PDB file of N, CA and C in Angstrom:
ATOM      1  N   GLN A   1     -49.929  16.471 -22.728  1.00  0.00           N
ATOM      2  CA  GLN A   1     -51.271  16.777 -22.605  1.00  0.00           C
ATOM      3  C   GLN A   1     -51.570  17.394 -24.193  1.00  0.00           C
ATOM      4  N   VAL A   2     -52.913  17.764 -23.962  1.00  0.00           N
ATOM      5  CA  VAL A   2     -53.782  17.640 -25.502  1.00  0.00           C
ATOM      6  C   VAL A   2     -54.617  19.146 -25.355  1.00  0.00           C
ATOM      7  N   GLN A   3     -54.773  19.676 -26.118  1.00  0.00           N
ATOM      8  CA  GLN A   3     -55.460  20.878 -26.005  1.00  0.00           C
ATOM      9  C   GLN A   3     -56.122  21.302 -27.740  1.00  0.00           C
ATOM     10  N   LEU A   4     -57.305  21.436 -27.469  1.00  0.00           N
ATOM     11  CA  LEU A   4     -58.953  21.811 -28.556  1.00  0.00           C
ATOM     12  C   LEU A   4     -58.875  23.505 -27.827  1.00  0.00           C
ATOM     13  N   VAL A   5     -58.483  23.914 -29.281  1.00  0.00           N
ATOM     14  CA  VAL A   5     -58.969  25.170 -29.229  1.00  0.00           C
ATOM     15  C   VAL A   5     -60.035  26.056 -30.079  1.00  0.00           C
ATOM     16  N   GLU A   6     -60.782  26.270 -29.520  1.00  0.00           N
ATOM     17  CA  GLU A   6     -62.260  26.655 -30.582  1.00  0.00           C
ATOM     18  C   GLU A   6     -62.244  28.339 -30.662  1.00  0.00           C
ATOM     19  N   SER A   7     -62.767  28.679 -31.891  1.00  0.00           N
ATOM     20  CA  SER A   7     -62.870  30.050 -32.254  1.00  0.00           C
ATOM     21  C   SER A   7     -63.962  30.258 -32.985  1.00  0.00           C
ATOM     22  N   GLY A   8     -64.636  31.479 -33.368  1.00  0.00           N
ATOM     23  CA  GLY A   8     -65.648  31.848 -34.406  1.00  0.00           C
ATOM     24  C   GLY A   8     -66.958  31.911 -34.064  1.00  0.00           C
ATOM     25  N   GLY A   9     -66.906  31.775 -32.612  1.00  0.00           N
ATOM     26  CA  GLY A   9     -68.452  31.623 -31.849  1.00  0.00           C
ATOM     27  C   GLY A   9     -68.718  33.832 -31.851  1.00  0.00           C
ATOM     28  N   GLY A  10     -70.206  33.756 -31.317  1.00  0.00           N
ATOM     29  CA  GLY A  10     -70.459  35.164 -31.481  1.00  0.00           C
ATOM     30  C   GLY A  10     -71.663  35.803 -31.701  1.00  0.00           C
ATOM     31  N   LEU A  11     -72.692  36.908 -31.998  1.00  0.00           N
ATOM     32  CA  LEU A  11     -73.636  37.152 -32.009  1.00  0.00           C
ATOM     33  C   LEU A  11     -74.261  37.188 -33.440  1.00  0.00           C
ATOM     34  N   VAL A  12     -75.216  36.656 -33.755  1.00  0.00           N
ATOM     35  CA  VAL A  12     -75.213  36.775 -35.178  1.00  0.00           C
ATOM     36  C   VAL A  12     -77.044  36.651 -35.551  1.00  0.00           C
ATOM     37  N   GLN A  13     -77.430  37.177 -36.602  1.00  0.00           N
ATOM     38  CA  GLN A  13     -78.985  37.398 -36.705  1.00  0.00           C
ATOM     39  C   GLN A  13     -79.238  36.131 -37.137  1.00  0.00           C
ATOM     40  N   PRO A  14     -80.757  35.973 -36.943  1.00  0.00           N
ATOM     41  CA  PRO A  14     -81.340  34.595 -37.720  1.00  0.00           C
ATOM     42  C   PRO A  14     -81.194  35.165 -39.466  1.00  0.00           C
ATOM     43  N   GLY A  15     -80.623  33.401 -39.722  1.00  0.00           N
ATOM     44  CA  GLY A  15     -80.344  33.810 -41.501  1.00  0.00           C
ATOM     45  C   GLY A  15     -79.242  33.941 -41.709  1.00  0.00           C
ATOM     46  N   GLY A  16     -77.925  34.101 -40.468  1.00  0.00           N
ATOM     47  CA  GLY A  16     -76.887  34.668 -40.947  1.00  0.00           C
ATOM     48  C   GLY A  16     -76.460  33.436 -40.627  1.00  0.00           C
ATOM     49  N   SER A  17     -75.105  33.492 -40.474  1.00  0.00           N
ATOM     50  CA  SER A  17     -73.602  32.702 -41.049  1.00  0.00           C
ATOM     51  C   SER A  17     -72.500  32.634 -39.883  1.00  0.00           C
ATOM     52  N   LEU A  18     -71.870  31.775 -39.411  1.00  0.00           N
ATOM     53  CA  LEU A  18     -70.826  31.445 -38.851  1.00  0.00           C
ATOM     54  C   LEU A  18     -69.950  29.939 -39.163  1.00  0.00           C
ATOM     55  N   ARG A  19     -68.696  30.618 -38.866  1.00  0.00           N
ATOM     56  CA  ARG A  19     -67.781  29.094 -38.884  1.00  0.00           C
ATOM     57  C   ARG A  19     -66.906  29.143 -37.884  1.00  0.00           C
ATOM     58  N   LEU A  20     -67.222  28.211 -37.338  1.00  0.00           N
ATOM     59  CA  LEU A  20     -66.084  27.912 -35.720  1.00  0.00           C
ATOM     60  C   LEU A  20     -65.126  26.814 -36.621  1.00  0.00           C
ATOM     61  N   SER A  21     -63.611  27.139 -36.084  1.00  0.00           N
ATOM     62  CA  SER A  21     -62.412  26.001 -36.145  1.00  0.00           C
ATOM     63  C   SER A  21     -61.961  25.624 -34.567  1.00  0.00           C
ATOM     64  N   CYS A  22     -61.949  24.781 -34.963  1.00  0.00           N
ATOM     65  CA  CYS A  22     -60.989  23.773 -33.100  1.00  0.00           C
ATOM     66  C   CYS A  22     -59.932  23.189 -33.888  1.00  0.00           C
ATOM     67  N   ALA A  23     -58.773  24.058 -33.599  1.00  0.00           N
ATOM     68  CA  ALA A  23     -57.427  23.250 -33.520  1.00  0.00           C
ATOM     69  C   ALA A  23     -56.976  22.352 -32.626  1.00  0.00           C
ATOM     70  N   ALA A  24     -56.567  21.239 -32.934  1.00  0.00           N
ATOM     71  CA  ALA A  24     -56.270  20.250 -31.784  1.00  0.00           C
ATOM     72  C   ALA A  24     -54.569  20.666 -31.438  1.00  0.00           C
ATOM     73  N   SER A  25     -53.835  20.520 -30.803  1.00  0.00           N
ATOM     74  CA  SER A  25     -52.363  20.730 -30.777  1.00  0.00           C
ATOM     75  C   SER A  25     -51.939  19.393 -29.358  1.00  0.00           C
ATOM     76  N   GLY A  26     -50.579  19.242 -29.288  1.00  0.00           N
ATOM     77  CA  GLY A  26     -50.146  18.198 -28.233  1.00  0.00           C
ATOM     78  C   GLY A  26     -49.693  16.853 -28.695  1.00  0.00           C
ATOM     79  N   ARG A  27     -49.420  16.052 -27.453  1.00  0.00           N
ATOM     80  CA  ARG A  27     -49.033  14.766 -27.635  1.00  0.00           C
ATOM     81  C   ARG A  27     -50.399  13.803 -28.401  1.00  0.00           C
ATOM     82  N   ILE A  28     -49.975  14.061 -29.757  1.00  0.00           N
ATOM     83  CA  ILE A  28     -51.175  13.763 -30.335  1.00  0.00           C
ATOM     84  C   ILE A  28     -50.926  12.403 -31.596  1.00  0.00           C
ATOM     85  N   PHE A  29     -51.037  11.430 -31.847  1.00  0.00           N
ATOM     86  CA  PHE A  29     -50.360  10.447 -32.434  1.00  0.00           C
ATOM     87  C   PHE A  29     -51.336   9.951 -33.735  1.00  0.00           C
ATOM     88  N   SER A  30     -52.695  10.223 -33.651  1.00  0.00           N
ATOM     89  CA  SER A  30     -53.820   9.949 -34.554  1.00  0.00           C
ATOM     90  C   SER A  30     -54.977  10.174 -34.202  1.00  0.00           C
ATOM     91  N   ILE A  31     -55.789  10.759 -34.715  1.00  0.00           N
ATOM     92  CA  ILE A  31     -57.253  11.605 -34.531  1.00  0.00           C
ATOM     93  C   ILE A  31     -58.489  10.907 -35.015  1.00  0.00           C
ATOM     94  N   PRO A  32     -58.701   9.671 -34.669  1.00  0.00           N
ATOM     95  CA  PRO A  32     -59.989   9.135 -35.869  1.00  0.00           C
ATOM     96  C   PRO A  32     -61.301   9.663 -36.316  1.00  0.00           C
ATOM     97  N   ALA A  33     -61.828  10.402 -35.110  1.00  0.00           N
ATOM     98  CA  ALA A  33     -62.577  11.272 -35.326  1.00  0.00           C
ATOM     99  C   ALA A  33     -62.512  12.919 -34.576  1.00  0.00           C
ATOM    100  N   MET A  34     -63.554  13.718 -35.032  1.00  0.00           N
ATOM    101  CA  MET A  34     -63.195  14.921 -34.015  1.00  0.00           C
ATOM    102  C   MET A  34     -64.816  15.442 -34.805  1.00  0.00           C
ATOM    103  N   GLY A  35     -65.566  16.309 -33.604  1.00  0.00           N
ATOM    104  CA  GLY A  35     -67.227  16.690 -33.920  1.00  0.00           C
ATOM    105  C   GLY A  35     -67.172  18.009 -33.160  1.00  0.00           C
ATOM    106  N   TRP A  36     -68.326  18.133 -33.340  1.00  0.00           N
ATOM    107  CA  TRP A  36     -68.924  19.529 -32.557  1.00  0.00           C
ATOM    108  C   TRP A  36     -69.927  19.204 -31.916  1.00  0.00           C
ATOM    109  N   TYR A  37     -70.275  19.561 -30.838  1.00  0.00           N
ATOM    110  CA  TYR A  37     -71.487  19.285 -29.853  1.00  0.00           C
ATOM    111  C   TYR A  37     -71.539  20.617 -29.603  1.00  0.00           C
ATOM    112  N   ARG A  38     -73.158  21.184 -29.250  1.00  0.00           N
ATOM    113  CA  ARG A  38     -73.702  22.114 -28.599  1.00  0.00           C
ATOM    114  C   ARG A  38     -74.510  21.668 -27.136  1.00  0.00           C
ATOM    115  N   GLN A  39     -74.611  22.695 -26.417  1.00  0.00           N
ATOM    116  CA  GLN A  39     -75.144  23.118 -24.905  1.00  0.00           C
ATOM    117  C   GLN A  39     -76.361  23.791 -25.130  1.00  0.00           C
ATOM    118  N   PRO A  40     -77.469  23.792 -25.280  1.00  0.00           N
ATOM    119  CA  PRO A  40     -78.537  25.368 -25.032  1.00  0.00           C
ATOM    120  C   PRO A  40     -78.780  25.261 -24.021  1.00  0.00           C
ATOM    121  N   PRO A  41     -78.992  26.805 -23.740  1.00  0.00           N
ATOM    122  CA  PRO A  41     -79.318  27.033 -22.295  1.00  0.00           C
ATOM    123  C   PRO A  41     -80.357  25.757 -21.349  1.00  0.00           C
ATOM    124  N   GLY A  42     -80.206  25.447 -20.295  1.00  0.00           N
ATOM    125  CA  GLY A  42     -80.999  24.607 -19.849  1.00  0.00           C
ATOM    126  C   GLY A  42     -81.135  23.338 -19.950  1.00  0.00           C
ATOM    127  N   ASN A  43     -80.296  22.967 -21.415  1.00  0.00           N
ATOM    128  CA  ASN A  43     -80.661  21.754 -21.880  1.00  0.00           C
ATOM    129  C   ASN A  43     -78.902  20.993 -21.709  1.00  0.00           C
ATOM    130  N   GLN A  44     -79.271  19.476 -22.373  1.00  0.00           N
ATOM    131  CA  GLN A  44     -78.100  18.387 -21.874  1.00  0.00           C
ATOM    132  C   GLN A  44     -77.201  19.188 -23.642  1.00  0.00           C
ATOM    133  N   ARG A  45     -75.921  18.903 -23.130  1.00  0.00           N
ATOM    134  CA  ARG A  45     -75.409  18.865 -24.550  1.00  0.00           C
ATOM    135  C   ARG A  45     -75.543  17.652 -25.651  1.00  0.00           C
ATOM    136  N   GLU A  46     -75.650  17.961 -27.091  1.00  0.00           N
ATOM    137  CA  GLU A  46     -75.965  17.686 -27.782  1.00  0.00           C
ATOM    138  C   GLU A  46     -75.081  16.958 -29.034  1.00  0.00           C
ATOM    139  N   VAL A  47     -75.300  16.114 -29.722  1.00  0.00           N
ATOM    140  CA  VAL A  47     -74.467  15.941 -30.939  1.00  0.00           C
ATOM    141  C   VAL A  47     -74.927  16.978 -31.878  1.00  0.00           C
ATOM    142  N   VAL A  48     -74.108  17.512 -32.824  1.00  0.00           N
ATOM    143  CA  VAL A  48     -74.233  18.700 -34.484  1.00  0.00           C
ATOM    144  C   VAL A  48     -73.564  17.607 -35.517  1.00  0.00           C
ATOM    145  N   ALA A  49     -72.284  17.522 -35.081  1.00  0.00           N
ATOM    146  CA  ALA A  49     -71.872  17.000 -36.320  1.00  0.00           C
ATOM    147  C   ALA A  49     -70.209  16.217 -36.327  1.00  0.00           C
ATOM    148  N   THR A  50     -70.039  15.139 -36.553  1.00  0.00           N
ATOM    149  CA  THR A  50     -69.120  14.369 -36.579  1.00  0.00           C
ATOM    150  C   THR A  50     -68.315  14.024 -37.793  1.00  0.00           C
ATOM    151  N   ILE A  51     -67.091  13.883 -37.920  1.00  0.00           N
ATOM    152  CA  ILE A  51     -66.093  13.612 -39.539  1.00  0.00           C
ATOM    153  C   ILE A  51     -64.976  12.598 -38.263  1.00  0.00           C
ATOM    154  N   THR A  52     -65.094  11.531 -39.620  1.00  0.00           N
ATOM    155  CA  THR A  52     -63.975  10.666 -39.038  1.00  0.00           C
ATOM    156  C   THR A  52     -62.405  10.880 -40.222  1.00  0.00           C
ATOM    157  N   SER A  53     -61.432  10.433 -39.684  1.00  0.00           N
ATOM    158  CA  SER A  53     -60.289  10.824 -40.563  1.00  0.00           C
ATOM    159  C   SER A  53     -60.395   9.963 -42.027  1.00  0.00           C
ATOM    160  N   GLY A  54     -61.336   8.977 -42.065  1.00  0.00           N
ATOM    161  CA  GLY A  54     -61.573   8.898 -43.518  1.00  0.00           C
ATOM    162  C   GLY A  54     -62.719   9.384 -43.951  1.00  0.00           C
ATOM    163  N   GLY A  55     -63.363  10.396 -43.688  1.00  0.00           N
ATOM    164  CA  GLY A  55     -64.294  11.242 -44.011  1.00  0.00           C
ATOM    165  C   GLY A  55     -65.515  10.880 -43.752  1.00  0.00           C
ATOM    166  N   MET A  56     -65.950   9.964 -42.915  1.00  0.00           N
ATOM    167  CA  MET A  56     -67.323   9.508 -43.058  1.00  0.00           C
ATOM    168  C   MET A  56     -67.946  10.977 -41.788  1.00  0.00           C
ATOM    169  N   ILE A  57     -68.802  11.150 -42.666  1.00  0.00           N
ATOM    170  CA  ILE A  57     -69.824  12.659 -41.658  1.00  0.00           C
ATOM    171  C   ILE A  57     -71.057  12.440 -41.236  1.00  0.00           C
ATOM    172  N   ASN A  58     -72.034  12.821 -39.817  1.00  0.00           N
ATOM    173  CA  ASN A  58     -72.884  12.554 -39.663  1.00  0.00           C
ATOM    174  C   ASN A  58     -73.630  14.135 -39.481  1.00  0.00           C
ATOM    175  N   TYR A  59     -74.590  13.922 -39.337  1.00  0.00           N
ATOM    176  CA  TYR A  59     -75.038  15.271 -38.724  1.00  0.00           C
ATOM    177  C   TYR A  59     -76.539  15.302 -38.302  1.00  0.00           C
ATOM    178  N   ALA A  60     -76.846  16.027 -36.973  1.00  0.00           N
ATOM    179  CA  ALA A  60     -77.379  15.916 -36.238  1.00  0.00           C
ATOM    180  C   ALA A  60     -78.913  16.438 -37.534  1.00  0.00           C
ATOM    181  N   ASP A  61     -80.465  15.786 -37.614  1.00  0.00           N
ATOM    182  CA  ASP A  61     -81.340  15.995 -38.086  1.00  0.00           C
ATOM    183  C   ASP A  61     -81.753  17.373 -38.360  1.00  0.00           C
ATOM    184  N   SER A  62     -81.262  17.993 -37.202  1.00  0.00           N
ATOM    185  CA  SER A  62     -81.822  19.818 -36.859  1.00  0.00           C
ATOM    186  C   SER A  62     -80.973  20.584 -37.733  1.00  0.00           C
ATOM    187  N   VAL A  63     -79.537  19.929 -38.185  1.00  0.00           N
ATOM    188  CA  VAL A  63     -78.756  20.813 -39.088  1.00  0.00           C
ATOM    189  C   VAL A  63     -78.751  20.731 -40.060  1.00  0.00           C
ATOM    190  N   LYS A  64     -79.313  19.596 -41.053  1.00  0.00           N
ATOM    191  CA  LYS A  64     -78.708  18.758 -42.014  1.00  0.00           C
ATOM    192  C   LYS A  64     -79.247  19.800 -42.877  1.00  0.00           C
ATOM    193  N   GLY A  65     -78.608  20.177 -44.279  1.00  0.00           N
ATOM    194  CA  GLY A  65     -79.025  21.042 -45.245  1.00  0.00           C
ATOM    195  C   GLY A  65     -78.414  22.484 -44.911  1.00  0.00           C
ATOM    196  N   ARG A  66     -78.101  22.783 -43.691  1.00  0.00           N
ATOM    197  CA  ARG A  66     -77.650  24.206 -43.123  1.00  0.00           C
ATOM    198  C   ARG A  66     -76.184  24.236 -42.633  1.00  0.00           C
ATOM    199  N   PHE A  67     -75.734  23.149 -41.952  1.00  0.00           N
ATOM    200  CA  PHE A  67     -74.450  23.129 -41.054  1.00  0.00           C
ATOM    201  C   PHE A  67     -73.629  22.208 -42.280  1.00  0.00           C
ATOM    202  N   THR A  68     -72.262  22.551 -42.322  1.00  0.00           N
ATOM    203  CA  THR A  68     -71.075  21.654 -43.044  1.00  0.00           C
ATOM    204  C   THR A  68     -69.957  21.693 -41.932  1.00  0.00           C
ATOM    205  N   ILE A  69     -69.437  19.978 -41.747  1.00  0.00           N
ATOM    206  CA  ILE A  69     -68.291  20.016 -41.105  1.00  0.00           C
ATOM    207  C   ILE A  69     -67.065  19.818 -42.123  1.00  0.00           C
ATOM    208  N   SER A  70     -65.730  20.087 -41.811  1.00  0.00           N
ATOM    209  CA  SER A  70     -64.469  19.916 -42.464  1.00  0.00           C
ATOM    210  C   SER A  70     -63.400  19.800 -41.865  1.00  0.00           C
ATOM    211  N   ARG A  71     -62.629  18.939 -42.234  1.00  0.00           N
ATOM    212  CA  ARG A  71     -61.349  19.021 -41.622  1.00  0.00           C
ATOM    213  C   ARG A  71     -60.044  19.327 -42.942  1.00  0.00           C
ATOM    214  N   ASP A  72     -59.113  19.832 -42.254  1.00  0.00           N
ATOM    215  CA  ASP A  72     -57.921  20.438 -42.737  1.00  0.00           C
ATOM    216  C   ASP A  72     -57.311  19.220 -43.331  1.00  0.00           C
ATOM    217  N   ASN A  73     -56.007  19.275 -44.199  1.00  0.00           N
ATOM    218  CA  ASN A  73     -55.837  18.294 -44.779  1.00  0.00           C
ATOM    219  C   ASN A  73     -54.932  17.215 -43.607  1.00  0.00           C
ATOM    220  N   ALA A  74     -54.127  18.200 -42.698  1.00  0.00           N
ATOM    221  CA  ALA A  74     -53.369  17.503 -41.532  1.00  0.00           C
ATOM    222  C   ALA A  74     -54.342  17.002 -40.724  1.00  0.00           C
ATOM    223  N   LYS A  75     -55.691  17.220 -40.921  1.00  0.00           N
ATOM    224  CA  LYS A  75     -56.450  16.566 -39.748  1.00  0.00           C
ATOM    225  C   LYS A  75     -56.652  16.710 -38.463  1.00  0.00           C
ATOM    226  N   THR A  76     -56.089  17.914 -37.949  1.00  0.00           N
ATOM    227  CA  THR A  76     -55.499  18.526 -36.797  1.00  0.00           C
ATOM    228  C   THR A  76     -56.947  19.514 -36.419  1.00  0.00           C
ATOM    229  N   THR A  77     -57.304  20.382 -37.269  1.00  0.00           N
ATOM    230  CA  THR A  77     -58.193  20.890 -37.033  1.00  0.00           C
ATOM    231  C   THR A  77     -59.577  20.901 -37.732  1.00  0.00           C
ATOM    232  N   VAL A  78     -60.958  21.226 -37.197  1.00  0.00           N
ATOM    233  CA  VAL A  78     -62.026  20.735 -37.162  1.00  0.00           C
ATOM    234  C   VAL A  78     -63.157  22.099 -37.702  1.00  0.00           C
ATOM    235  N   TYR A  79     -63.888  22.296 -39.211  1.00  0.00           N
ATOM    236  CA  TYR A  79     -64.522  23.575 -38.871  1.00  0.00           C
ATOM    237  C   TYR A  79     -66.095  23.332 -38.980  1.00  0.00           C
ATOM    238  N   LEU A  80     -66.488  24.402 -38.859  1.00  0.00           N
ATOM    239  CA  LEU A  80     -68.532  24.234 -38.639  1.00  0.00           C
ATOM    240  C   LEU A  80     -68.689  25.260 -39.471  1.00  0.00           C
ATOM    241  N   GLN A  81     -69.173  25.095 -40.223  1.00  0.00           N
ATOM    242  CA  GLN A  81     -69.685  26.191 -41.325  1.00  0.00           C
ATOM    243  C   GLN A  81     -71.057  26.238 -41.047  1.00  0.00           C
ATOM    244  N   MET A  82     -71.774  26.990 -40.159  1.00  0.00           N
ATOM    245  CA  MET A  82     -73.065  27.158 -39.915  1.00  0.00           C
ATOM    246  C   MET A  82     -73.739  28.166 -40.874  1.00  0.00           C
ATOM    247  N   ASN A  83     -74.623  28.033 -41.478  1.00  0.00           N
ATOM    248  CA  ASN A  83     -75.755  29.042 -42.529  1.00  0.00           C
ATOM    249  C   ASN A  83     -77.161  28.903 -41.810  1.00  0.00           C
ATOM    250  N   SER A  84     -77.607  29.988 -42.536  1.00  0.00           N
ATOM    251  CA  SER A  84     -79.350  29.933 -42.196  1.00  0.00           C
ATOM    252  C   SER A  84     -79.444  29.131 -40.632  1.00  0.00           C
ATOM    253  N   LEU A  85     -78.494  30.425 -40.282  1.00  0.00           N
ATOM    254  CA  LEU A  85     -79.193  30.152 -38.669  1.00  0.00           C
ATOM    255  C   LEU A  85     -80.215  30.648 -37.895  1.00  0.00           C
ATOM    256  N   LYS A  86     -80.771  29.628 -36.946  1.00  0.00           N
ATOM    257  CA  LYS A  86     -82.113  29.885 -36.217  1.00  0.00           C
ATOM    258  C   LYS A  86     -81.908  30.166 -34.869  1.00  0.00           C
ATOM    259  N   PRO A  87     -82.743  31.121 -33.997  1.00  0.00           N
ATOM    260  CA  PRO A  87     -82.869  31.125 -32.502  1.00  0.00           C
ATOM    261  C   PRO A  87     -82.193  30.041 -31.757  1.00  0.00           C
ATOM    262  N   GLU A  88     -83.036  29.062 -32.091  1.00  0.00           N
ATOM    263  CA  GLU A  88     -83.200  27.582 -31.259  1.00  0.00           C
ATOM    264  C   GLU A  88     -81.040  27.098 -31.509  1.00  0.00           C
ATOM    265  N   GLY A  89     -80.525  27.602 -32.298  1.00  0.00           N
ATOM    266  CA  GLY A  89     -79.066  27.540 -32.742  1.00  0.00           C
ATOM    267  C   GLY A  89     -78.650  28.031 -31.200  1.00  0.00           C
ATOM    268  N   THR A  90     -78.595  28.796 -30.325  1.00  0.00           N
ATOM    269  CA  THR A  90     -78.551  29.840 -29.116  1.00  0.00           C
ATOM    270  C   THR A  90     -77.511  28.895 -28.677  1.00  0.00           C
ATOM    271  N   ALA A  91     -76.157  28.282 -28.390  1.00  0.00           N
ATOM    272  CA  ALA A  91     -75.893  27.393 -27.429  1.00  0.00           C
ATOM    273  C   ALA A  91     -74.083  27.711 -27.143  1.00  0.00           C
ATOM    274  N   VAL A  92     -73.863  26.823 -26.353  1.00  0.00           N
ATOM    275  CA  VAL A  92     -72.205  27.394 -26.305  1.00  0.00           C
ATOM    276  C   VAL A  92     -71.739  25.714 -27.202  1.00  0.00           C
ATOM    277  N   TYR A  93     -70.986  26.133 -28.003  1.00  0.00           N
ATOM    278  CA  TYR A  93     -70.704  24.712 -28.769  1.00  0.00           C
ATOM    279  C   TYR A  93     -69.305  24.373 -28.688  1.00  0.00           C
ATOM    280  N   TYR A  94     -68.886  22.960 -28.327  1.00  0.00           N
ATOM    281  CA  TYR A  94     -67.561  22.571 -27.650  1.00  0.00           C
ATOM    282  C   TYR A  94     -67.448  21.482 -29.119  1.00  0.00           C
ATOM    283  N   CYS A  95     -65.646  21.414 -29.089  1.00  0.00           N
ATOM    284  CA  CYS A  95     -64.988  20.597 -29.899  1.00  0.00           C
ATOM    285  C   CYS A  95     -64.795  19.405 -29.400  1.00  0.00           C
ATOM    286  N   ASN A  96     -65.239  18.147 -29.925  1.00  0.00           N
ATOM    287  CA  ASN A  96     -64.913  17.344 -29.237  1.00  0.00           C
ATOM    288  C   ASN A  96     -63.787  16.595 -30.397  1.00  0.00           C
ATOM    289  N   ALA A  97     -62.372  15.296 -29.626  1.00  0.00           N
ATOM    290  CA  ALA A  97     -61.494  14.964 -30.335  1.00  0.00           C
ATOM    291  C   ALA A  97     -61.614  13.592 -29.835  1.00  0.00           C
ATOM    292  N   LEU A  98     -61.853  12.267 -30.487  1.00  0.00           N
ATOM    293  CA  LEU A  98     -61.026  11.140 -30.320  1.00  0.00           C
ATOM    294  C   LEU A  98     -59.624  11.055 -30.818  1.00  0.00           C
ATOM    295  N   LEU A  99     -58.676  10.463 -29.923  1.00  0.00           N
ATOM    296  CA  LEU A  99     -57.496  10.485 -30.290  1.00  0.00           C
ATOM    297  C   LEU A  99     -56.695   9.449 -29.654  1.00  0.00           C
ATOM    298  N   GLY A 100     -55.497   9.164 -30.535  1.00  0.00           N
ATOM    299  CA  GLY A 100     -54.704   8.356 -29.839  1.00  0.00           C
ATOM    300  C   GLY A 100     -53.427   8.984 -29.588  1.00  0.00           C
ATOM    301  N   ASN A 101     -52.553   9.144 -28.190  1.00  0.00           N
ATOM    302  CA  ASN A 101     -51.837  10.125 -27.780  1.00  0.00           C
ATOM    303  C   ASN A 101     -50.060   9.157 -28.800  1.00  0.00           C
ATOM    304  N   ASP A 102     -50.507   8.029 -28.613  1.00  0.00           N
ATOM    305  CA  ASP A 102     -48.412   7.597 -28.999  1.00  0.00           C
ATOM    306  C   ASP A 102     -48.860   6.099 -29.799  1.00  0.00           C
ATOM    307  N   TYR A 103     -48.016   5.777 -30.579  1.00  0.00           N
ATOM    308  CA  TYR A 103     -47.942   4.857 -31.485  1.00  0.00           C
ATOM    309  C   TYR A 103     -48.638   3.568 -31.037  1.00  0.00           C
ATOM    310  N   SER A 104     -47.667   3.568 -29.911  1.00  0.00           N
ATOM    311  CA  SER A 104     -46.906   2.109 -28.427  1.00  0.00           C
ATOM    312  C   SER A 104     -48.303   1.986 -27.629  1.00  0.00           C
ATOM    313  N   ASP A 105     -49.252   3.199 -27.809  1.00  0.00           N
ATOM    314  CA  ASP A 105     -50.541   2.473 -26.513  1.00  0.00           C
ATOM    315  C   ASP A 105     -51.646   3.020 -27.677  1.00  0.00           C
ATOM    316  N   SER A 106     -52.480   2.104 -27.638  1.00  0.00           N
ATOM    317  CA  SER A 106     -53.552   2.035 -28.810  1.00  0.00           C
ATOM    318  C   SER A 106     -55.018   2.523 -28.074  1.00  0.00           C
ATOM    319  N   ARG A 107     -54.837   2.991 -27.020  1.00  0.00           N
ATOM    320  CA  ARG A 107     -56.001   3.431 -26.392  1.00  0.00           C
ATOM    321  C   ARG A 107     -56.686   4.923 -26.970  1.00  0.00           C
ATOM    322  N   ILE A 108     -57.975   4.926 -27.074  1.00  0.00           N
ATOM    323  CA  ILE A 108     -58.476   5.788 -27.872  1.00  0.00           C
ATOM    324  C   ILE A 108     -58.659   7.010 -26.784  1.00  0.00           C
ATOM    325  N   ARG A 109     -58.691   8.181 -26.658  1.00  0.00           N
ATOM    326  CA  ARG A 109     -59.333   8.988 -25.349  1.00  0.00           C
ATOM    327  C   ARG A 109     -60.392  10.107 -26.260  1.00  0.00           C
ATOM    328  N   SER A 110     -61.138  10.876 -25.554  1.00  0.00           N
ATOM    329  CA  SER A 110     -61.732  11.606 -25.576  1.00  0.00           C
ATOM    330  C   SER A 110     -61.696  13.117 -24.836  1.00  0.00           C
ATOM    331  N   TYR A 111     -61.147  14.297 -25.919  1.00  0.00           N
ATOM    332  CA  TYR A 111     -60.883  15.459 -25.248  1.00  0.00           C
ATOM    333  C   TYR A 111     -61.832  16.297 -26.129  1.00  0.00           C
ATOM    334  N   TRP A 112     -62.042  17.469 -25.035  1.00  0.00           N
ATOM    335  CA  TRP A 112     -62.960  18.499 -25.231  1.00  0.00           C
ATOM    336  C   TRP A 112     -62.211  19.935 -25.264  1.00  0.00           C
ATOM    337  N   GLY A 113     -62.904  20.872 -26.329  1.00  0.00           N
ATOM    338  CA  GLY A 113     -62.335  22.248 -26.039  1.00  0.00           C
ATOM    339  C   GLY A 113     -63.358  23.170 -24.966  1.00  0.00           C
ATOM    340  N   GLN A 114     -63.122  23.946 -25.021  1.00  0.00           N
ATOM    341  CA  GLN A 114     -63.534  24.670 -23.798  1.00  0.00           C
ATOM    342  C   GLN A 114     -64.553  25.472 -24.058  1.00  0.00           C
ATOM    343  N   GLY A 115     -64.952  25.300 -25.345  1.00  0.00           N
ATOM    344  CA  GLY A 115     -66.782  25.886 -25.875  1.00  0.00           C
ATOM    345  C   GLY A 115     -66.280  27.551 -26.106  1.00  0.00           C
ATOM    346  N   THR A 116     -67.551  27.346 -26.752  1.00  0.00           N
ATOM    347  CA  THR A 116     -67.747  29.034 -27.608  1.00  0.00           C
ATOM    348  C   THR A 116     -68.994  29.240 -27.976  1.00  0.00           C
ATOM    349  N   GLN A 117     -69.341  30.386 -27.632  1.00  0.00           N
ATOM    350  CA  GLN A 117     -70.869  30.903 -27.505  1.00  0.00           C
ATOM    351  C   GLN A 117     -71.573  30.902 -28.801  1.00  0.00           C
ATOM    352  N   VAL A 118     -72.268  30.759 -29.016  1.00  0.00           N
ATOM    353  CA  VAL A 118     -73.157  31.110 -30.475  1.00  0.00           C
ATOM    354  C   VAL A 118     -74.825  31.446 -29.909  1.00  0.00           C
ATOM    355  N   THR A 119     -74.376  33.069 -30.496  1.00  0.00           N
ATOM    356  CA  THR A 119     -76.194  33.434 -29.951  1.00  0.00           C
ATOM    357  C   THR A 119     -76.552  33.975 -31.278  1.00  0.00           C
ATOM    358  N   VAL A 120     -78.011  33.214 -31.681  1.00  0.00           N
ATOM    359  CA  VAL A 120     -78.905  33.380 -32.857  1.00  0.00           C
ATOM    360  C   VAL A 120     -79.836  34.260 -32.149  1.00  0.00           C
ATOM    361  N   SER A 121     -79.720  35.974 -32.538  1.00  0.00           N
ATOM    362  CA  SER A 121     -80.893  36.494 -32.099  1.00  0.00           C
ATOM    363  C   SER A 121     -80.643  38.241 -33.070  1.00  0.00           C
ATOM    364  N   SER A 122     -82.249  38.660 -32.895  1.00  0.00           N
ATOM    365  CA  SER A 122     -82.383  40.032 -33.982  1.00  0.00           C
ATOM    366  C   SER A 122     -82.273  41.004 -32.898  1.00  0.00           C
TER     367      SER A 122
END
């Protein structure tokens, strides 16, 4: 089994900062990519930022210059540093990992965390 455990959400004022963390554990052989997605109230889930094991990074246009995604050296934990937060950033933030479970199985599977609430409000 694979678990993605997120932490770091909460209530923050507009202009403030939060740092989200997501740790992957369990039956993992490789993690080609990890990312953060969010689902605002009444809206669909959308991509925020992604990072590959090779260091390729992509951001949604709405967060460029304000959010930074990174991974630890073991590449099993992904972070999202969120600065200059805006009220429209209020959402449940989900961690995603594309990973392989075993060296003998080339299939890549998608796993999701349970989500962490971020509320940006004064």
